Amino acid sequence: MIKAIFFDVDGTLLSHTTKSISQDTVQALRILQDQGIMIFMATGRHSTELKKLPVHDIRFDGYITLNGQLCLDNRGNVIYGAPFNESITDKLLSAFCERRYPLALVEADRIYINYVNNTVRKAQQSISTPVPEISTYKGGQIYQATAFLIRQEEAEAEKFIPSGCRFARWCDNGIWRCRK
């Protein structure tokens, strides 16, 4: 007997062509829940991004966000988190601020970005999400860092990433870092 099903957002539930979720999909999710099957979202996205997408109307039983770095219950309470250690956060912030690479630092409840350029705009547009507001990082726990680099910048940036981090490209204009 199936007890739970996990769904990705981008390209699975949400079409970036129509910028919507089909009504057939919404109905199928309701039917699953009516049959007692729990539905979970599993995504690389942050909860603040999800609130700006059509998926926010669907009541999931839980959320695996930031590629597993932060897991939430159906009320948005943290049930598991794997933040970066402070030294990695400090090194990422220092390296990317000095070189003016756009870097988004992701906390449980907020996304900070230090700089916005066309690379950031194109990456965010490709996932139907507004550009984060430029703000100053205030020192909270970081669960994910997104560097917005074109492929030609990646080799240069790899020289400066802290030990324990790696690149994982998710589009032509964005890559994210995670712990090994």
N, C-alpha and C. Protein backbone atom coordinates (compact mmCIF):
# COMPACT_ATOMS: atom_id res chain seq x y z
N MET A 1 0.84 -1.18 0.00
CA MET A 1 0.00 0.00 0.00
C MET A 1 0.88 1.25 0.00
N ILE A 2 0.56 2.20 -0.84
CA ILE A 2 1.30 3.45 -0.92
C ILE A 2 0.87 4.36 0.22
N LYS A 3 1.83 4.87 0.99
CA LYS A 3 1.52 5.74 2.13
C LYS A 3 1.87 7.19 1.85
N ALA A 4 2.84 7.44 0.96
CA ALA A 4 3.27 8.80 0.68
C ALA A 4 3.86 8.88 -0.73
N ILE A 5 3.70 10.06 -1.33
CA ILE A 5 4.29 10.33 -2.65
C ILE A 5 4.96 11.70 -2.57
N PHE A 6 6.15 11.80 -3.19
CA PHE A 6 6.92 13.04 -3.18
C PHE A 6 6.92 13.64 -4.58
N PHE A 7 6.73 14.96 -4.65
CA PHE A 7 6.63 15.66 -5.92
C PHE A 7 7.63 16.80 -6.00
N ASP A 8 8.32 16.90 -7.13
CA ASP A 8 9.17 18.05 -7.43
C ASP A 8 8.26 19.18 -7.92
N VAL A 9 8.77 20.39 -7.90
CA VAL A 9 7.99 21.54 -8.37
C VAL A 9 8.28 21.82 -9.84
N ASP A 10 9.52 22.17 -10.13
CA ASP A 10 9.89 22.67 -11.46
C ASP A 10 9.82 21.59 -12.53
N GLY A 11 8.91 21.79 -13.48
CA GLY A 11 8.76 20.85 -14.58
C GLY A 11 7.93 19.63 -14.23
N THR A 12 7.59 19.45 -12.97
CA THR A 12 6.75 18.32 -12.56
C THR A 12 5.37 18.85 -12.21
N LEU A 13 5.26 19.61 -11.13
CA LEU A 13 3.98 20.22 -10.78
C LEU A 13 3.77 21.53 -11.55
N LEU A 14 4.82 22.32 -11.66
CA LEU A 14 4.72 23.66 -12.25
C LEU A 14 5.34 23.69 -13.64
N SER A 15 4.56 24.16 -14.59
CA SER A 15 5.05 24.37 -15.95
C SER A 15 5.57 25.80 -16.04
N HIS A 16 6.81 25.97 -16.46
CA HIS A 16 7.34 27.33 -16.64
C HIS A 16 6.88 27.93 -17.96
N THR A 17 6.29 27.11 -18.83
CA THR A 17 5.71 27.62 -20.07
C THR A 17 4.38 28.31 -19.78
N THR A 18 3.51 27.63 -19.03
CA THR A 18 2.19 28.21 -18.72
C THR A 18 2.20 28.98 -17.40
N LYS A 19 3.26 28.81 -16.60
CA LYS A 19 3.39 29.44 -15.28
C LYS A 19 2.25 29.00 -14.35
N SER A 20 1.83 27.75 -14.51
CA SER A 20 0.71 27.26 -13.71
C SER A 20 0.83 25.76 -13.48
N ILE A 21 -0.07 25.27 -12.62
CA ILE A 21 -0.23 23.84 -12.39
C ILE A 21 -1.56 23.46 -13.02
N SER A 22 -1.56 22.40 -13.78
CA SER A 22 -2.80 22.02 -14.45
C SER A 22 -3.87 21.63 -13.43
N GLN A 23 -5.11 21.89 -13.75
CA GLN A 23 -6.21 21.52 -12.86
C GLN A 23 -6.30 20.01 -12.69
N ASP A 24 -5.90 19.25 -13.72
CA ASP A 24 -5.87 17.78 -13.60
C ASP A 24 -4.88 17.36 -12.51
N THR A 25 -3.75 18.04 -12.44
CA THR A 25 -2.75 17.73 -11.42
C THR A 25 -3.28 18.07 -10.03
N VAL A 26 -3.89 19.22 -9.89
CA VAL A 26 -4.45 19.63 -8.60
C VAL A 26 -5.51 18.63 -8.15
N GLN A 27 -6.36 18.21 -9.08
CA GLN A 27 -7.40 17.23 -8.75
C GLN A 27 -6.78 15.88 -8.36
N ALA A 28 -5.74 15.46 -9.07
CA ALA A 28 -5.08 14.18 -8.74
C ALA A 28 -4.47 14.23 -7.34
N LEU A 29 -3.89 15.37 -6.96
CA LEU A 29 -3.32 15.50 -5.61
C LEU A 29 -4.41 15.40 -4.54
N ARG A 30 -5.56 16.02 -4.80
CA ARG A 30 -6.69 15.93 -3.86
C ARG A 30 -7.18 14.49 -3.72
N ILE A 31 -7.27 13.80 -4.84
CA ILE A 31 -7.72 12.41 -4.82
C ILE A 31 -6.77 11.56 -3.98
N LEU A 32 -5.47 11.77 -4.17
CA LEU A 32 -4.48 11.03 -3.37
C LEU A 32 -4.71 11.26 -1.88
N GLN A 33 -4.88 12.52 -1.49
CA GLN A 33 -5.09 12.83 -0.08
C GLN A 33 -6.41 12.25 0.42
N ASP A 34 -7.45 12.31 -0.40
CA ASP A 34 -8.74 11.72 -0.01
C ASP A 34 -8.62 10.22 0.22
N GLN A 35 -7.66 9.57 -0.44
CA GLN A 35 -7.43 8.14 -0.28
C GLN A 35 -6.47 7.84 0.88
N GLY A 36 -6.09 8.89 1.62
CA GLY A 36 -5.22 8.70 2.77
C GLY A 36 -3.73 8.66 2.46
N ILE A 37 -3.38 9.01 1.23
CA ILE A 37 -1.97 9.04 0.83
C ILE A 37 -1.43 10.43 1.12
N MET A 38 -0.33 10.46 1.84
CA MET A 38 0.29 11.75 2.17
C MET A 38 1.06 12.25 0.95
N ILE A 39 1.01 13.57 0.71
CA ILE A 39 1.76 14.15 -0.40
C ILE A 39 2.80 15.12 0.16
N PHE A 40 4.01 15.00 -0.36
CA PHE A 40 5.12 15.84 0.08
C PHE A 40 5.74 16.54 -1.12
N MET A 41 6.19 17.75 -0.88
CA MET A 41 6.93 18.47 -1.90
C MET A 41 8.42 18.24 -1.64
N ALA A 42 9.16 17.93 -2.68
CA ALA A 42 10.61 17.76 -2.59
C ALA A 42 11.23 18.64 -3.67
N THR A 43 11.95 19.68 -3.26
CA THR A 43 12.39 20.69 -4.20
C THR A 43 13.71 21.33 -3.78
N GLY A 44 14.36 21.95 -4.71
CA GLY A 44 15.53 22.75 -4.41
C GLY A 44 15.15 24.16 -3.99
N ARG A 45 13.89 24.46 -4.07
CA ARG A 45 13.38 25.80 -3.78
C ARG A 45 13.33 26.10 -2.28
N HIS A 46 13.22 27.39 -1.99
CA HIS A 46 13.06 27.91 -0.63
C HIS A 46 11.59 28.19 -0.38
N SER A 47 11.16 28.13 0.86
CA SER A 47 9.75 28.34 1.19
C SER A 47 9.26 29.72 0.75
N THR A 48 10.10 30.75 0.79
CA THR A 48 9.66 32.08 0.36
C THR A 48 9.41 32.11 -1.14
N GLU A 49 10.15 31.32 -1.91
CA GLU A 49 9.90 31.24 -3.34
C GLU A 49 8.59 30.51 -3.62
N LEU A 50 8.33 29.45 -2.86
CA LEU A 50 7.12 28.66 -3.06
C LEU A 50 5.87 29.49 -2.83
N LYS A 51 5.94 30.44 -1.89
CA LYS A 51 4.78 31.29 -1.60
C LYS A 51 4.41 32.19 -2.78
N LYS A 52 5.33 32.40 -3.71
CA LYS A 52 5.10 33.26 -4.86
C LYS A 52 4.70 32.46 -6.11
N LEU A 53 4.56 31.16 -5.96
CA LEU A 53 4.22 30.28 -7.08
C LEU A 53 2.84 29.68 -6.87
N PRO A 54 2.21 29.20 -7.94
CA PRO A 54 0.87 28.62 -7.81
C PRO A 54 0.79 27.40 -6.89
N VAL A 55 1.91 26.82 -6.51
CA VAL A 55 1.88 25.66 -5.62
C VAL A 55 1.48 26.02 -4.20
N HIS A 56 1.52 27.30 -3.85
CA HIS A 56 1.21 27.70 -2.47
C HIS A 56 -0.23 27.41 -2.08
N ASP A 57 -1.10 27.21 -3.05
CA ASP A 57 -2.51 26.91 -2.78
C ASP A 57 -2.74 25.44 -2.41
N ILE A 58 -1.76 24.60 -2.67
CA ILE A 58 -1.89 23.17 -2.40
C ILE A 58 -1.35 22.90 -1.00
N ARG A 59 -2.13 22.18 -0.20
CA ARG A 59 -1.72 21.87 1.17
C ARG A 59 -0.99 20.53 1.17
N PHE A 60 0.32 20.59 1.25
CA PHE A 60 1.13 19.38 1.31
C PHE A 60 1.26 18.93 2.76
N ASP A 61 1.59 17.67 2.95
CA ASP A 61 1.77 17.13 4.30
C ASP A 61 3.14 17.46 4.86
N GLY A 62 4.05 17.86 4.01
CA GLY A 62 5.38 18.26 4.43
C GLY A 62 6.19 18.73 3.24
N TYR A 63 7.33 19.34 3.54
CA TYR A 63 8.14 19.98 2.51
C TYR A 63 9.61 19.65 2.72
N ILE A 64 10.23 19.08 1.70
CA ILE A 64 11.67 18.90 1.68
C ILE A 64 12.18 20.00 0.77
N THR A 65 12.83 21.01 1.35
CA THR A 65 13.25 22.17 0.58
C THR A 65 14.78 22.24 0.51
N LEU A 66 15.25 23.10 -0.36
CA LEU A 66 16.69 23.34 -0.50
C LEU A 66 17.46 22.04 -0.71
N ASN A 67 16.88 21.17 -1.53
CA ASN A 67 17.51 19.88 -1.86
C ASN A 67 17.83 19.05 -0.63
N GLY A 68 16.94 19.11 0.36
CA GLY A 68 17.09 18.29 1.56
C GLY A 68 17.79 18.99 2.71
N GLN A 69 18.27 20.20 2.51
CA GLN A 69 18.97 20.92 3.58
C GLN A 69 18.01 21.41 4.67
N LEU A 70 16.72 21.58 4.33
CA LEU A 70 15.74 22.10 5.28
C LEU A 70 14.40 21.43 5.02
N CYS A 71 13.89 20.72 6.03
CA CYS A 71 12.62 20.00 5.90
C CYS A 71 11.61 20.58 6.88
N LEU A 72 10.38 20.77 6.40
CA LEU A 72 9.33 21.44 7.16
C LEU A 72 8.10 20.56 7.25
N ASP A 73 7.36 20.73 8.35
CA ASP A 73 6.08 20.03 8.45
C ASP A 73 5.02 20.83 7.69
N ASN A 74 3.77 20.40 7.77
CA ASN A 74 2.71 21.05 6.99
C ASN A 74 2.37 22.46 7.47
N ARG A 75 2.88 22.87 8.61
CA ARG A 75 2.67 24.24 9.11
C ARG A 75 3.89 25.13 8.89
N GLY A 76 4.93 24.56 8.27
CA GLY A 76 6.14 25.33 8.01
C GLY A 76 7.16 25.31 9.13
N ASN A 77 6.95 24.45 10.13
CA ASN A 77 7.91 24.32 11.22
C ASN A 77 9.08 23.44 10.79
N VAL A 78 10.29 23.81 11.17
CA VAL A 78 11.48 23.05 10.81
C VAL A 78 11.48 21.72 11.58
N ILE A 79 11.59 20.61 10.83
CA ILE A 79 11.71 19.30 11.46
C ILE A 79 13.11 18.71 11.24
N TYR A 80 13.86 19.27 10.29
CA TYR A 80 15.23 18.88 10.06
C TYR A 80 15.94 20.00 9.33
N GLY A 81 17.15 20.29 9.74
CA GLY A 81 17.95 21.29 9.06
C GLY A 81 19.42 20.93 9.10
N ALA A 82 20.12 21.21 8.00
CA ALA A 82 21.56 20.95 7.92
C ALA A 82 22.25 22.22 7.42
N PRO A 83 22.40 23.20 8.32
CA PRO A 83 23.03 24.46 7.90
C PRO A 83 24.53 24.31 7.68
N PHE A 84 25.10 25.22 6.91
CA PHE A 84 26.55 25.29 6.75
C PHE A 84 27.15 25.65 8.09
N ASN A 85 28.41 25.25 8.29
CA ASN A 85 29.07 25.73 9.49
C ASN A 85 29.49 27.19 9.27
N GLU A 86 29.73 27.88 10.35
CA GLU A 86 29.99 29.32 10.30
C GLU A 86 31.20 29.68 9.45
N SER A 87 32.24 28.88 9.49
CA SER A 87 33.44 29.22 8.72
C SER A 87 33.18 29.14 7.22
N ILE A 88 32.39 28.17 6.77
CA ILE A 88 32.04 28.09 5.34
C ILE A 88 31.21 29.30 4.94
N THR A 89 30.23 29.66 5.75
CA THR A 89 29.40 30.84 5.46
C THR A 89 30.28 32.08 5.35
N ASP A 90 31.18 32.27 6.29
CA ASP A 90 32.06 33.44 6.28
C ASP A 90 32.94 33.47 5.03
N LYS A 91 33.50 32.33 4.66
CA LYS A 91 34.37 32.26 3.48
C LYS A 91 33.60 32.51 2.19
N LEU A 92 32.39 31.96 2.09
CA LEU A 92 31.57 32.20 0.90
C LEU A 92 31.24 33.68 0.77
N LEU A 93 30.80 34.26 1.83
CA LEU A 93 30.44 35.68 1.82
C LEU A 93 31.63 36.54 1.45
N SER A 94 32.76 36.29 2.05
CA SER A 94 33.97 37.06 1.78
C SER A 94 34.41 36.92 0.33
N ALA A 95 34.51 35.69 -0.15
CA ALA A 95 34.99 35.44 -1.51
C ALA A 95 34.11 36.09 -2.57
N PHE A 96 32.81 35.96 -2.42
CA PHE A 96 31.93 36.46 -3.46
C PHE A 96 31.68 37.96 -3.36
N CYS A 97 31.74 38.53 -2.17
CA CYS A 97 31.61 39.99 -2.05
C CYS A 97 32.83 40.68 -2.64
N GLU A 98 34.00 40.14 -2.40
CA GLU A 98 35.23 40.73 -2.92
C GLU A 98 35.27 40.72 -4.44
N ARG A 99 34.75 39.69 -5.05
CA ARG A 99 34.83 39.56 -6.50
C ARG A 99 33.57 40.04 -7.21
N ARG A 100 32.60 40.47 -6.44
CA ARG A 100 31.33 40.97 -6.97
C ARG A 100 30.58 39.93 -7.78
N TYR A 101 30.76 38.65 -7.42
CA TYR A 101 29.89 37.62 -7.96
C TYR A 101 28.59 37.69 -7.18
N PRO A 102 27.46 37.68 -7.85
CA PRO A 102 26.20 37.65 -7.10
C PRO A 102 26.09 36.36 -6.30
N LEU A 103 25.76 36.50 -5.04
CA LEU A 103 25.64 35.36 -4.15
C LEU A 103 24.39 35.52 -3.30
N ALA A 104 23.53 34.52 -3.34
CA ALA A 104 22.35 34.49 -2.47
C ALA A 104 22.62 33.53 -1.33
N LEU A 105 22.46 34.02 -0.11
CA LEU A 105 22.60 33.19 1.07
C LEU A 105 21.20 32.90 1.59
N VAL A 106 20.92 31.64 1.87
CA VAL A 106 19.56 31.21 2.17
C VAL A 106 19.46 30.74 3.62
N GLU A 107 18.68 31.47 4.41
CA GLU A 107 18.36 31.08 5.78
C GLU A 107 17.04 30.32 5.78
N ALA A 108 16.59 29.89 6.94
CA ALA A 108 15.31 29.17 7.03
C ALA A 108 14.14 30.03 6.57
N ASP A 109 14.18 31.33 6.88
CA ASP A 109 13.04 32.21 6.59
C ASP A 109 13.35 33.34 5.61
N ARG A 110 14.56 33.38 5.07
CA ARG A 110 14.92 34.55 4.28
C ARG A 110 16.02 34.21 3.28
N ILE A 111 16.04 34.96 2.17
CA ILE A 111 17.11 34.87 1.19
C ILE A 111 17.76 36.25 1.07
N TYR A 112 19.07 36.29 1.21
CA TYR A 112 19.84 37.52 1.03
C TYR A 112 20.58 37.42 -0.30
N ILE A 113 20.69 38.52 -1.03
CA ILE A 113 21.57 38.55 -2.20
C ILE A 113 22.39 39.82 -2.11
N ASN A 114 23.66 39.73 -2.47
CA ASN A 114 24.56 40.86 -2.32
C ASN A 114 24.65 41.75 -3.54
N TYR A 115 24.21 41.26 -4.70
CA TYR A 115 24.44 41.98 -5.95
C TYR A 115 23.53 41.37 -7.01
N VAL A 116 22.95 42.18 -7.86
CA VAL A 116 22.07 41.68 -8.92
C VAL A 116 22.58 42.18 -10.27
N ASN A 117 22.69 41.26 -11.22
CA ASN A 117 23.05 41.62 -12.59
C ASN A 117 22.14 40.83 -13.54
N ASN A 118 22.44 40.88 -14.83
CA ASN A 118 21.60 40.17 -15.81
C ASN A 118 21.65 38.66 -15.64
N THR A 119 22.76 38.13 -15.15
CA THR A 119 22.85 36.69 -14.91
C THR A 119 21.82 36.27 -13.87
N VAL A 120 21.69 37.06 -12.80
CA VAL A 120 20.69 36.78 -11.76
C VAL A 120 19.29 36.87 -12.35
N ARG A 121 19.03 37.94 -13.08
CA ARG A 121 17.69 38.14 -13.66
C ARG A 121 17.29 36.98 -14.58
N LYS A 122 18.22 36.56 -15.43
CA LYS A 122 17.92 35.45 -16.35
C LYS A 122 17.68 34.14 -15.59
N ALA A 123 18.49 33.86 -14.58
CA ALA A 123 18.32 32.63 -13.81
C ALA A 123 16.96 32.62 -13.11
N GLN A 124 16.60 33.71 -12.47
CA GLN A 124 15.33 33.77 -11.75
C GLN A 124 14.14 33.72 -12.71
N GLN A 125 14.28 34.36 -13.86
CA GLN A 125 13.21 34.31 -14.85
C GLN A 125 13.00 32.88 -15.35
N SER A 126 14.08 32.12 -15.47
CA SER A 126 13.97 30.75 -15.98
C SER A 126 13.19 29.84 -15.04
N ILE A 127 13.08 30.23 -13.76
CA ILE A 127 12.32 29.42 -12.81
C ILE A 127 11.08 30.17 -12.30
N SER A 128 10.66 31.19 -13.06
CA SER A 128 9.41 31.91 -12.77
C SER A 128 9.39 32.51 -11.36
N THR A 129 10.53 33.05 -10.92
CA THR A 129 10.64 33.58 -9.57
C THR A 129 11.24 34.97 -9.61
N PRO A 130 10.71 35.91 -8.80
CA PRO A 130 11.29 37.25 -8.76
C PRO A 130 12.72 37.24 -8.24
N VAL A 131 13.46 38.26 -8.63
CA VAL A 131 14.83 38.44 -8.16
C VAL A 131 14.78 38.78 -6.67
N PRO A 132 15.62 38.12 -5.85
CA PRO A 132 15.64 38.47 -4.43
C PRO A 132 16.06 39.93 -4.23
N GLU A 133 15.59 40.52 -3.17
CA GLU A 133 15.95 41.90 -2.84
C GLU A 133 17.38 41.95 -2.32
N ILE A 134 18.15 42.94 -2.79
CA ILE A 134 19.51 43.11 -2.30
C ILE A 134 19.43 43.52 -0.84
N SER A 135 20.19 42.81 -0.01
CA SER A 135 20.20 43.14 1.41
C SER A 135 21.51 42.65 2.03
N THR A 136 21.75 43.10 3.24
CA THR A 136 22.96 42.74 3.96
C THR A 136 22.71 41.52 4.82
N TYR A 137 23.56 40.54 4.69
CA TYR A 137 23.46 39.33 5.50
C TYR A 137 23.73 39.70 6.95
N LYS A 138 22.87 39.20 7.85
CA LYS A 138 22.95 39.58 9.26
C LYS A 138 23.44 38.47 10.18
N GLY A 139 23.90 37.37 9.61
CA GLY A 139 24.56 36.37 10.44
C GLY A 139 23.77 35.16 10.87
N GLY A 140 22.62 34.88 10.28
CA GLY A 140 21.84 33.70 10.65
C GLY A 140 22.41 32.43 10.03
N GLN A 141 21.83 31.29 10.39
CA GLN A 141 22.27 30.00 9.85
C GLN A 141 21.93 29.93 8.36
N ILE A 142 22.90 29.51 7.56
CA ILE A 142 22.73 29.40 6.12
C ILE A 142 22.58 27.92 5.74
N TYR A 143 21.54 27.65 4.95
CA TYR A 143 21.25 26.28 4.52
C TYR A 143 21.65 26.03 3.07
N GLN A 144 21.78 27.09 2.30
CA GLN A 144 22.17 26.96 0.89
C GLN A 144 22.74 28.28 0.44
N ALA A 145 23.65 28.22 -0.51
CA ALA A 145 24.20 29.43 -1.13
C ALA A 145 24.10 29.26 -2.63
N THR A 146 23.58 30.25 -3.30
CA THR A 146 23.45 30.20 -4.75
C THR A 146 24.33 31.27 -5.36
N ALA A 147 25.28 30.85 -6.16
CA ALA A 147 26.13 31.78 -6.91
C ALA A 147 25.56 31.86 -8.32
N PHE A 148 25.46 33.07 -8.83
CA PHE A 148 24.92 33.29 -10.17
C PHE A 148 26.09 33.59 -11.10
N LEU A 149 26.54 32.56 -11.81
CA LEU A 149 27.72 32.66 -12.65
C LEU A 149 27.45 32.04 -14.01
N ILE A 150 27.95 32.68 -15.04
CA ILE A 150 27.92 32.03 -16.35
C ILE A 150 29.04 31.00 -16.35
N ARG A 151 28.98 30.06 -17.27
CA ARG A 151 29.95 28.95 -17.28
C ARG A 151 31.40 29.43 -17.34
N GLN A 152 31.65 30.51 -18.07
CA GLN A 152 33.02 31.01 -18.20
C GLN A 152 33.56 31.54 -16.87
N GLU A 153 32.70 31.93 -15.95
CA GLU A 153 33.14 32.43 -14.64
C GLU A 153 33.36 31.31 -13.63
N GLU A 154 32.81 30.16 -13.90
CA GLU A 154 32.84 29.07 -12.94
C GLU A 154 34.25 28.60 -12.61
N ALA A 155 35.10 28.46 -13.61
CA ALA A 155 36.46 27.97 -13.36
C ALA A 155 37.22 28.93 -12.45
N GLU A 156 37.08 30.22 -12.67
CA GLU A 156 37.74 31.22 -11.82
C GLU A 156 37.19 31.15 -10.39
N ALA A 157 35.88 31.04 -10.27
CA ALA A 157 35.25 31.01 -8.94
C ALA A 157 35.61 29.75 -8.17
N GLU A 158 35.81 28.64 -8.85
CA GLU A 158 36.15 27.39 -8.16
C GLU A 158 37.45 27.49 -7.38
N LYS A 159 38.32 28.39 -7.77
CA LYS A 159 39.58 28.59 -7.06
C LYS A 159 39.37 29.16 -5.67
N PHE A 160 38.22 29.78 -5.45
CA PHE A 160 37.97 30.49 -4.20
C PHE A 160 36.93 29.85 -3.30
N ILE A 161 36.35 28.74 -3.72
CA ILE A 161 35.32 28.14 -2.87
C ILE A 161 35.96 27.45 -1.67
N PRO A 162 35.32 27.54 -0.53
CA PRO A 162 35.89 26.91 0.67
C PRO A 162 35.85 25.39 0.59
N SER A 163 36.74 24.76 1.31
CA SER A 163 36.74 23.31 1.42
C SER A 163 35.40 22.88 2.01
N GLY A 164 34.83 21.81 1.46
CA GLY A 164 33.54 21.34 1.93
C GLY A 164 32.39 21.80 1.06
N CYS A 165 32.69 22.58 0.03
CA CYS A 165 31.65 23.06 -0.89
C CYS A 165 31.97 22.58 -2.30
N ARG A 166 30.94 22.52 -3.11
CA ARG A 166 31.12 22.17 -4.52
C ARG A 166 30.05 22.86 -5.34
N PHE A 167 30.30 22.97 -6.62
CA PHE A 167 29.33 23.55 -7.54
C PHE A 167 28.38 22.47 -8.03
N ALA A 168 27.14 22.82 -8.22
CA ALA A 168 26.15 21.98 -8.89
C ALA A 168 25.28 22.91 -9.72
N ARG A 169 25.46 22.89 -11.02
CA ARG A 169 24.77 23.83 -11.90
C ARG A 169 23.31 23.42 -12.08
N TRP A 170 22.39 24.40 -11.91
CA TRP A 170 20.97 24.12 -12.11
C TRP A 170 20.40 24.85 -13.32
N CYS A 171 21.14 25.79 -13.88
CA CYS A 171 20.75 26.43 -15.14
C CYS A 171 21.99 27.12 -15.70
N ASP A 172 21.88 27.69 -16.89
CA ASP A 172 23.04 28.35 -17.50
C ASP A 172 23.55 29.52 -16.68
N ASN A 173 22.71 30.13 -15.86
CA ASN A 173 23.08 31.33 -15.12
C ASN A 173 23.16 31.15 -13.61
N GLY A 174 22.98 29.95 -13.13
CA GLY A 174 23.01 29.76 -11.69
C GLY A 174 23.59 28.42 -11.29
N ILE A 175 24.34 28.46 -10.22
CA ILE A 175 24.84 27.22 -9.63
C ILE A 175 24.64 27.33 -8.13
N TRP A 176 24.56 26.24 -7.47
CA TRP A 176 24.45 26.30 -6.01
C TRP A 176 25.57 25.50 -5.40
N ARG A 177 25.79 25.76 -4.15
CA ARG A 177 26.84 25.07 -3.42
C ARG A 177 26.18 24.27 -2.32
N CYS A 178 26.72 23.14 -2.07
CA CYS A 178 26.21 22.36 -0.94
C CYS A 178 27.37 21.70 -0.24
N ARG A 179 27.12 21.18 0.94
CA ARG A 179 28.17 20.46 1.65
C ARG A 179 28.42 19.13 0.96
N LYS A 180 29.64 18.67 1.04
CA LYS A 180 30.00 17.36 0.45
C LYS A 180 29.31 16.25 1.20
